[in-house]
Amino acid sequence: MNTTFVLLLNLLYLLLIIESISLGAVPSNSIAVNASVRFIEIERVALQKFRKGLKDPFNRLSSWVGQDCCKEGIDCNNQTSNVLKLDLRRGAPKF
């Protein structure tokens, strides 16, 4: 399969997850904690899959490991830790 196509599919998957969270897919009752943890795990896995599809010759995404998704280039909600935005321009090498 074309690398660009796979990368776009992974990005679409990640955006769908983020959008479902922002639209209130996570319930606000006592089950919300477990649901939120489950969504954070899905986000973490999606980010790792997305990263595998990227070329990173300057190793800027080396912090994208472990359980915490809120790394370099990833903006997260301070209360829920859900991914809000990717900014892959950060940390660009200065020439």
C-alpha atoms as a PDB file:
ATOM      1  CA  MET A   1       0.000   0.000   0.000  1.00  0.00           C
ATOM      2  CA  ASN A   2       1.209   3.533  -0.733  1.00  0.00           C
ATOM      3  CA  THR A   3       2.969   5.080   2.301  1.00  0.00           C
ATOM      4  CA  THR A   4       1.180   8.401   1.828  1.00  0.00           C
ATOM      5  CA  PHE A   5      -2.187   6.645   1.753  1.00  0.00           C
ATOM      6  CA  VAL A   6      -1.424   4.739   4.975  1.00  0.00           C
ATOM      7  CA  LEU A   7      -0.258   7.948   6.631  1.00  0.00           C
ATOM      8  CA  LEU A   8      -3.450   9.740   5.623  1.00  0.00           C
ATOM      9  CA  LEU A   9      -5.585   6.861   6.920  1.00  0.00           C
ATOM     10  CA  ASN A  10      -3.789   6.980  10.280  1.00  0.00           C
ATOM     11  CA  LEU A  11      -4.252  10.746  10.463  1.00  0.00           C
ATOM     12  CA  LEU A  12      -7.944  10.401   9.617  1.00  0.00           C
ATOM     13  CA  TYR A  13      -8.325   7.757  12.326  1.00  0.00           C
ATOM     14  CA  LEU A  14      -6.666  10.040  14.879  1.00  0.00           C
ATOM     15  CA  LEU A  15      -8.819  13.015  13.876  1.00  0.00           C
ATOM     16  CA  LEU A  16     -11.990  10.913  14.166  1.00  0.00           C
ATOM     17  CA  ILE A  17     -11.018   9.905  17.686  1.00  0.00           C
ATOM     18  CA  ILE A  18     -10.314  13.497  18.694  1.00  0.00           C
ATOM     19  CA  GLU A  19     -13.574  14.709  17.137  1.00  0.00           C
ATOM     20  CA  SER A  20     -15.633  12.010  18.867  1.00  0.00           C
ATOM     21  CA  ILE A  21     -14.184  13.094  22.194  1.00  0.00           C
ATOM     22  CA  SER A  22     -14.867  16.776  21.541  1.00  0.00           C
ATOM     23  CA  LEU A  23     -18.475  15.969  20.590  1.00  0.00           C
ATOM     24  CA  GLY A  24     -19.062  14.342  23.967  1.00  0.00           C
ATOM     25  CA  ALA A  25     -18.561  10.686  23.148  1.00  0.00           C
ATOM     26  CA  VAL A  26     -17.116  10.299  26.630  1.00  0.00           C
ATOM     27  CA  PRO A  27     -20.030  10.182  29.118  1.00  0.00           C
ATOM     28  CA  SER A  28     -20.153  12.610  32.016  1.00  0.00           C
ATOM     29  CA  ASN A  29     -21.326  10.117  34.657  1.00  0.00           C
ATOM     30  CA  SER A  30     -19.300   7.805  36.918  1.00  0.00           C
ATOM     31  CA  ILE A  31     -18.365   5.599  33.952  1.00  0.00           C
ATOM     32  CA  ALA A  32     -16.561   8.575  32.406  1.00  0.00           C
ATOM     33  CA  VAL A  33     -13.271   7.791  34.150  1.00  0.00           C
ATOM     34  CA  ASN A  34     -13.013   4.317  32.595  1.00  0.00           C
ATOM     35  CA  ALA A  35     -14.235   5.589  29.239  1.00  0.00           C
ATOM     36  CA  SER A  36     -11.721   8.440  29.334  1.00  0.00           C
ATOM     37  CA  VAL A  37      -8.861   6.070  30.115  1.00  0.00           C
ATOM     38  CA  ARG A  38      -9.974   3.868  27.218  1.00  0.00           C
ATOM     39  CA  PHE A  39     -10.048   6.867  24.843  1.00  0.00           C
ATOM     40  CA  ILE A  40      -6.607   7.997  26.005  1.00  0.00           C
ATOM     41  CA  GLU A  41      -5.252   4.507  25.274  1.00  0.00           C
ATOM     42  CA  ILE A  42      -6.827   4.616  21.811  1.00  0.00           C
ATOM     43  CA  GLU A  43      -5.237   8.034  21.235  1.00  0.00           C
ATOM     44  CA  ARG A  44      -1.833   6.748  22.369  1.00  0.00           C
ATOM     45  CA  VAL A  45      -1.999   3.768  20.013  1.00  0.00           C
ATOM     46  CA  ALA A  46      -3.215   5.983  17.151  1.00  0.00           C
ATOM     47  CA  LEU A  47      -0.352   8.434  17.715  1.00  0.00           C
ATOM     48  CA  GLN A  48       2.203   5.623  17.727  1.00  0.00           C
ATOM     49  CA  LYS A  49       0.774   4.236  14.469  1.00  0.00           C
ATOM     50  CA  PHE A  50       0.761   7.744  12.982  1.00  0.00           C
ATOM     51  CA  ARG A  51       4.395   8.269  14.025  1.00  0.00           C
ATOM     52  CA  LYS A  52       5.472   5.015  12.359  1.00  0.00           C
ATOM     53  CA  GLY A  53       4.218   6.433   9.064  1.00  0.00           C
ATOM     54  CA  LEU A  54       6.325   9.591   9.364  1.00  0.00           C
ATOM     55  CA  LYS A  55       9.897  10.158   8.317  1.00  0.00           C
ATOM     56  CA  ASP A  56      11.750  11.770  11.218  1.00  0.00           C
ATOM     57  CA  PRO A  57      15.380  12.285  10.130  1.00  0.00           C
ATOM     58  CA  PHE A  58      16.050  14.772  12.945  1.00  0.00           C
ATOM     59  CA  ASN A  59      14.508  12.478  15.598  1.00  0.00           C
ATOM     60  CA  ARG A  60      12.143  15.244  16.777  1.00  0.00           C
ATOM     61  CA  LEU A  61       9.450  12.719  17.663  1.00  0.00           C
ATOM     62  CA  SER A  62      11.704  10.653  19.926  1.00  0.00           C
ATOM     63  CA  SER A  63       9.650  11.739  22.960  1.00  0.00           C
ATOM     64  CA  TRP A  64       6.564   9.952  21.558  1.00  0.00           C
ATOM     65  CA  VAL A  65       7.059   6.838  23.707  1.00  0.00           C
ATOM     66  CA  GLY A  66       5.494   5.463  26.866  1.00  0.00           C
ATOM     67  CA  GLN A  67       2.033   5.945  28.307  1.00  0.00           C
ATOM     68  CA  ASP A  68       1.913   9.760  28.321  1.00  0.00           C
ATOM     69  CA  CYS A  69       0.660  11.144  24.990  1.00  0.00           C
ATOM     70  CA  CYS A  70       1.339  14.792  25.851  1.00  0.00           C
ATOM     71  CA  LYS A  71       4.768  15.078  24.275  1.00  0.00           C
ATOM     72  CA  GLU A  72       6.639  17.421  21.946  1.00  0.00           C
ATOM     73  CA  GLY A  73       4.256  18.598  19.232  1.00  0.00           C
ATOM     74  CA  ILE A  74       1.136  17.199  20.917  1.00  0.00           C
ATOM     75  CA  ASP A  75      -1.184  19.585  22.766  1.00  0.00           C
ATOM     76  CA  CYS A  76      -3.402  17.955  25.386  1.00  0.00           C
ATOM     77  CA  ASN A  77      -6.269  18.973  27.633  1.00  0.00           C
ATOM     78  CA  ASN A  78      -4.771  19.774  31.060  1.00  0.00           C
ATOM     79  CA  GLN A  79      -7.643  18.098  32.916  1.00  0.00           C
ATOM     80  CA  THR A  80      -8.379  15.009  30.817  1.00  0.00           C
ATOM     81  CA  SER A  81      -5.024  14.526  29.035  1.00  0.00           C
ATOM     82  CA  ASN A  82      -6.928  13.969  25.790  1.00  0.00           C
ATOM     83  CA  VAL A  83      -5.117  14.995  22.619  1.00  0.00           C
ATOM     84  CA  LEU A  84      -6.360  18.334  21.308  1.00  0.00           C
ATOM     85  CA  LYS A  85      -3.936  19.204  18.529  1.00  0.00           C
ATOM     86  CA  LEU A  86      -0.832  18.074  16.697  1.00  0.00           C
ATOM     87  CA  ASP A  87       1.752  20.701  15.807  1.00  0.00           C
ATOM     88  CA  LEU A  88       4.505  19.047  13.822  1.00  0.00           C
ATOM     89  CA  ARG A  89       6.139  22.400  13.063  1.00  0.00           C
ATOM     90  CA  ARG A  90       7.495  22.753  16.602  1.00  0.00           C
ATOM     91  CA  GLY A  91      11.112  22.015  17.155  1.00  0.00           C
ATOM     92  CA  ALA A  92      12.002  22.337  13.491  1.00  0.00           C
ATOM     93  CA  PRO A  93      15.758  22.577  13.114  1.00  0.00           C
ATOM     94  CA  LYS A  94      17.126  26.055  12.505  1.00  0.00           C
ATOM     95  CA  PHE A  95      19.455  26.315   9.512  1.00  0.00           C
END
